[in-house]
Amino acid sequence: MKKFRDIVFKVDDAFVKVSLVCIALNMVLVTVSVVGRVLFNSPILGASDVVAFSFGLSCVFAFCITEKHKNHINIDLLMTILPVKGKLVNHAIMGTLNLITLAIIAVIFFRYIGNTYNNSMSSWVVHIPYYPFVAAAAIGMVLFFFTALANFLNAFDEIKNPEKKEVEKEIEEVVL
């Protein structure tokens, strides 16, 4: 279990770097395009297409790092007042629903790859095909699913042994 989590988290770290590159690309491209428009009356052709694709990828690839660090919105009221068995049941139900939802979204993305490819969908200005970006987004969603699965399985140990969680957190803080 720990080995699975470590592998998924290493892949998360690589994908967040791709997300950061997408964000940097957006900032540079928008800046250069605006400067070109203002100073030379000539914006970069297709900048809006590239920025839109890049922004979408930066979001999808950043989901996994948000899940890894558990920085997402979470309602913990029940988890603070329930006994351990209640926490386990609550986590099992809500976590399973979360995983099912993520799996459905990932499947929809994979189905959409074929749809965009078969219909030759492309951007309006420079005709960049959609399907490679949809495929990358689908891969990002699969990684998001695996990260959620790793956290889901790990949370059972954390609920059963809360002191172990605190020790691991202290070790992680020392390492960072």
Protein backbone atom coordinates (compact mmCIF):
# COMPACT_ATOMS: atom_id res chain seq x y z
CA MET A 1 0.00 0.00 0.00
CA LYS A 2 2.76 2.43 0.96
CA LYS A 3 4.69 1.53 -2.19
CA PHE A 4 1.62 2.28 -4.35
CA ARG A 5 1.16 5.61 -2.60
CA ASP A 6 4.83 6.54 -3.02
CA ILE A 7 4.76 5.73 -6.76
CA VAL A 8 1.57 7.72 -7.31
CA PHE A 9 2.93 10.67 -5.35
CA LYS A 10 6.17 10.69 -7.39
CA VAL A 11 4.13 10.79 -10.59
CA ASP A 12 2.06 13.60 -9.03
CA ASP A 13 5.22 15.61 -8.49
CA ALA A 14 6.19 15.18 -12.15
CA PHE A 15 2.75 16.21 -13.36
CA VAL A 16 2.69 19.30 -11.17
CA LYS A 17 5.88 20.40 -12.92
CA VAL A 18 4.06 20.07 -16.24
CA SER A 19 1.25 22.16 -14.75
CA LEU A 20 3.74 24.84 -13.71
CA VAL A 21 5.24 24.89 -17.21
CA CYS A 22 1.74 25.40 -18.63
CA ILE A 23 1.14 28.32 -16.27
CA ALA A 24 4.51 29.88 -17.14
CA LEU A 25 3.80 29.40 -20.85
CA ASN A 26 0.48 31.18 -20.41
CA MET A 27 2.05 34.13 -18.62
CA VAL A 28 4.80 34.56 -21.21
CA LEU A 29 2.48 34.10 -24.19
CA VAL A 30 -0.17 36.51 -22.92
CA THR A 31 2.46 39.12 -22.04
CA VAL A 32 4.19 38.89 -25.41
CA SER A 33 0.85 38.97 -27.23
CA VAL A 34 -0.35 42.05 -25.34
CA VAL A 35 2.97 43.84 -25.89
CA GLY A 36 2.82 42.93 -29.58
CA ARG A 37 -0.73 44.22 -29.81
CA VAL A 38 0.00 47.50 -28.02
CA LEU A 39 3.41 48.35 -29.50
CA PHE A 40 3.24 46.80 -32.97
CA ASN A 41 -0.52 46.44 -33.49
CA SER A 42 0.13 42.75 -34.13
CA PRO A 43 -0.90 40.19 -31.50
CA ILE A 44 0.32 36.60 -31.73
CA LEU A 45 -1.96 34.64 -34.05
CA GLY A 46 -3.59 31.76 -32.16
CA ALA A 47 -2.42 32.89 -28.72
CA SER A 48 -5.93 32.48 -27.36
CA ASP A 49 -6.03 28.88 -28.63
CA VAL A 50 -2.73 27.95 -27.02
CA VAL A 51 -3.58 29.75 -23.77
CA ALA A 52 -6.93 27.96 -23.53
CA PHE A 53 -5.39 24.51 -24.04
CA SER A 54 -2.51 25.26 -21.69
CA PHE A 55 -4.79 26.59 -18.99
CA GLY A 56 -6.98 23.49 -19.17
CA LEU A 57 -3.96 21.22 -18.84
CA SER A 58 -2.55 23.22 -15.94
CA CYS A 59 -5.82 22.72 -14.06
CA VAL A 60 -6.13 19.00 -14.75
CA PHE A 61 -2.51 18.31 -13.85
CA ALA A 62 -2.78 20.36 -10.65
CA PHE A 63 -5.79 18.38 -9.35
CA CYS A 64 -3.53 15.49 -8.35
CA ILE A 65 -1.20 17.64 -6.25
CA THR A 66 -4.19 19.21 -4.50
CA GLU A 67 -5.47 15.73 -3.70
CA LYS A 68 -2.00 14.56 -2.64
CA HIS A 69 -1.74 17.27 0.01
CA LYS A 70 -5.46 17.07 0.88
CA ASN A 71 -5.90 20.77 0.18
CA HIS A 72 -9.35 20.35 -1.30
CA ILE A 73 -12.61 21.39 0.27
CA ASN A 74 -13.57 18.90 2.93
CA ILE A 75 -16.40 18.83 5.42
CA ASP A 76 -14.95 17.33 8.58
CA LEU A 77 -17.81 17.94 11.02
CA LEU A 78 -18.81 14.28 11.19
CA MET A 79 -15.20 13.14 11.33
CA THR A 80 -14.64 15.23 14.47
CA ILE A 81 -17.68 13.97 16.41
CA LEU A 82 -18.02 10.33 15.32
CA PRO A 83 -16.36 7.44 17.11
CA VAL A 84 -13.68 5.49 15.23
CA LYS A 85 -16.10 2.96 13.72
CA GLY A 86 -18.40 5.77 12.58
CA LYS A 87 -15.45 7.57 11.02
CA LEU A 88 -14.49 4.40 9.15
CA VAL A 89 -18.02 3.92 7.82
CA ASN A 90 -18.34 7.59 6.86
CA HIS A 91 -14.98 7.53 5.11
CA ALA A 92 -15.82 4.28 3.30
CA ILE A 93 -19.11 5.64 1.96
CA MET A 94 -17.95 9.14 1.02
CA GLY A 95 -14.59 7.96 -0.33
CA THR A 96 -16.22 5.30 -2.48
CA LEU A 97 -18.64 7.86 -3.92
CA ASN A 98 -15.71 10.18 -4.63
CA LEU A 99 -13.75 7.43 -6.39
CA ILE A 100 -16.77 6.39 -8.46
CA THR A 101 -17.29 9.99 -9.54
CA LEU A 102 -13.64 10.41 -10.53
CA ALA A 103 -13.68 7.12 -12.43
CA ILE A 104 -16.77 8.19 -14.38
CA ILE A 105 -15.18 11.54 -15.25
CA ALA A 106 -12.00 9.78 -16.44
CA VAL A 107 -14.03 7.39 -18.61
CA ILE A 108 -15.93 10.33 -20.10
CA PHE A 109 -12.63 12.01 -20.97
CA PHE A 110 -11.39 8.86 -22.71
CA ARG A 111 -14.63 8.60 -24.67
CA TYR A 112 -14.29 12.26 -25.62
CA ILE A 113 -10.85 11.58 -27.16
CA GLY A 114 -12.49 9.42 -29.81
CA ASN A 115 -15.25 11.95 -30.35
CA THR A 116 -12.84 14.83 -30.91
CA TYR A 117 -10.64 12.71 -33.18
CA ASN A 118 -13.49 11.27 -35.27
CA ASN A 119 -15.09 14.68 -35.74
CA SER A 120 -11.75 16.38 -36.52
CA MET A 121 -12.39 18.99 -33.82
CA SER A 122 -9.80 21.73 -33.72
CA SER A 123 -9.33 25.25 -32.44
CA TRP A 124 -10.78 28.08 -34.47
CA VAL A 125 -7.80 30.26 -35.20
CA VAL A 126 -4.81 27.99 -35.88
CA HIS A 127 -6.68 24.68 -36.10
CA ILE A 128 -4.87 22.85 -33.30
CA PRO A 129 -6.55 19.43 -32.93
CA TYR A 130 -8.37 18.84 -29.65
CA TYR A 131 -7.72 15.14 -29.17
CA PRO A 132 -4.10 15.33 -27.91
CA PHE A 133 -5.14 17.79 -25.22
CA VAL A 134 -8.18 15.75 -24.29
CA ALA A 135 -5.92 12.68 -24.05
CA ALA A 136 -3.54 14.56 -21.76
CA ALA A 137 -6.50 15.70 -19.64
CA ALA A 138 -7.75 12.09 -19.47
CA ILE A 139 -4.33 10.97 -18.23
CA GLY A 140 -4.45 13.77 -15.64
CA MET A 141 -7.86 12.55 -14.47
CA VAL A 142 -6.59 8.98 -14.17
CA LEU A 143 -3.71 10.23 -12.04
CA PHE A 144 -6.20 12.23 -9.96
CA PHE A 145 -8.19 9.00 -9.47
CA PHE A 146 -5.09 7.05 -8.39
CA THR A 147 -4.06 9.82 -6.00
CA ALA A 148 -7.54 9.84 -4.49
CA LEU A 149 -7.39 6.03 -4.24
CA ALA A 150 -4.02 6.18 -2.46
CA ASN A 151 -5.36 8.77 0.00
CA PHE A 152 -8.59 6.79 0.43
CA LEU A 153 -6.71 3.63 1.39
CA ASN A 154 -4.22 5.50 3.55
CA ALA A 155 -6.98 7.27 5.48
CA PHE A 156 -8.18 3.98 6.98
CA ASP A 157 -4.83 3.61 8.73
CA GLU A 158 -4.91 7.25 9.81
CA ILE A 159 -8.40 6.86 11.29
CA LYS A 160 -7.46 3.67 13.15
CA ASN A 161 -4.09 5.01 14.35
CA PRO A 162 -4.25 8.82 14.67
CA GLU A 163 -0.94 8.96 16.57
CA LYS A 164 0.83 7.32 13.60
CA LYS A 165 -0.43 10.14 11.38
CA GLU A 166 1.10 12.75 13.69
CA VAL A 167 4.47 10.95 13.71
CA GLU A 168 4.50 10.74 9.88
CA LYS A 169 3.58 14.44 9.67
CA GLU A 170 6.49 15.37 11.95
CA ILE A 171 8.89 13.25 9.89
CA GLU A 172 7.64 14.87 6.67
CA GLU A 173 8.14 18.35 8.14
CA VAL A 174 11.72 17.50 9.15
CA VAL A 175 12.47 16.13 5.66
CA LEU A 176 11.06 19.21 3.94
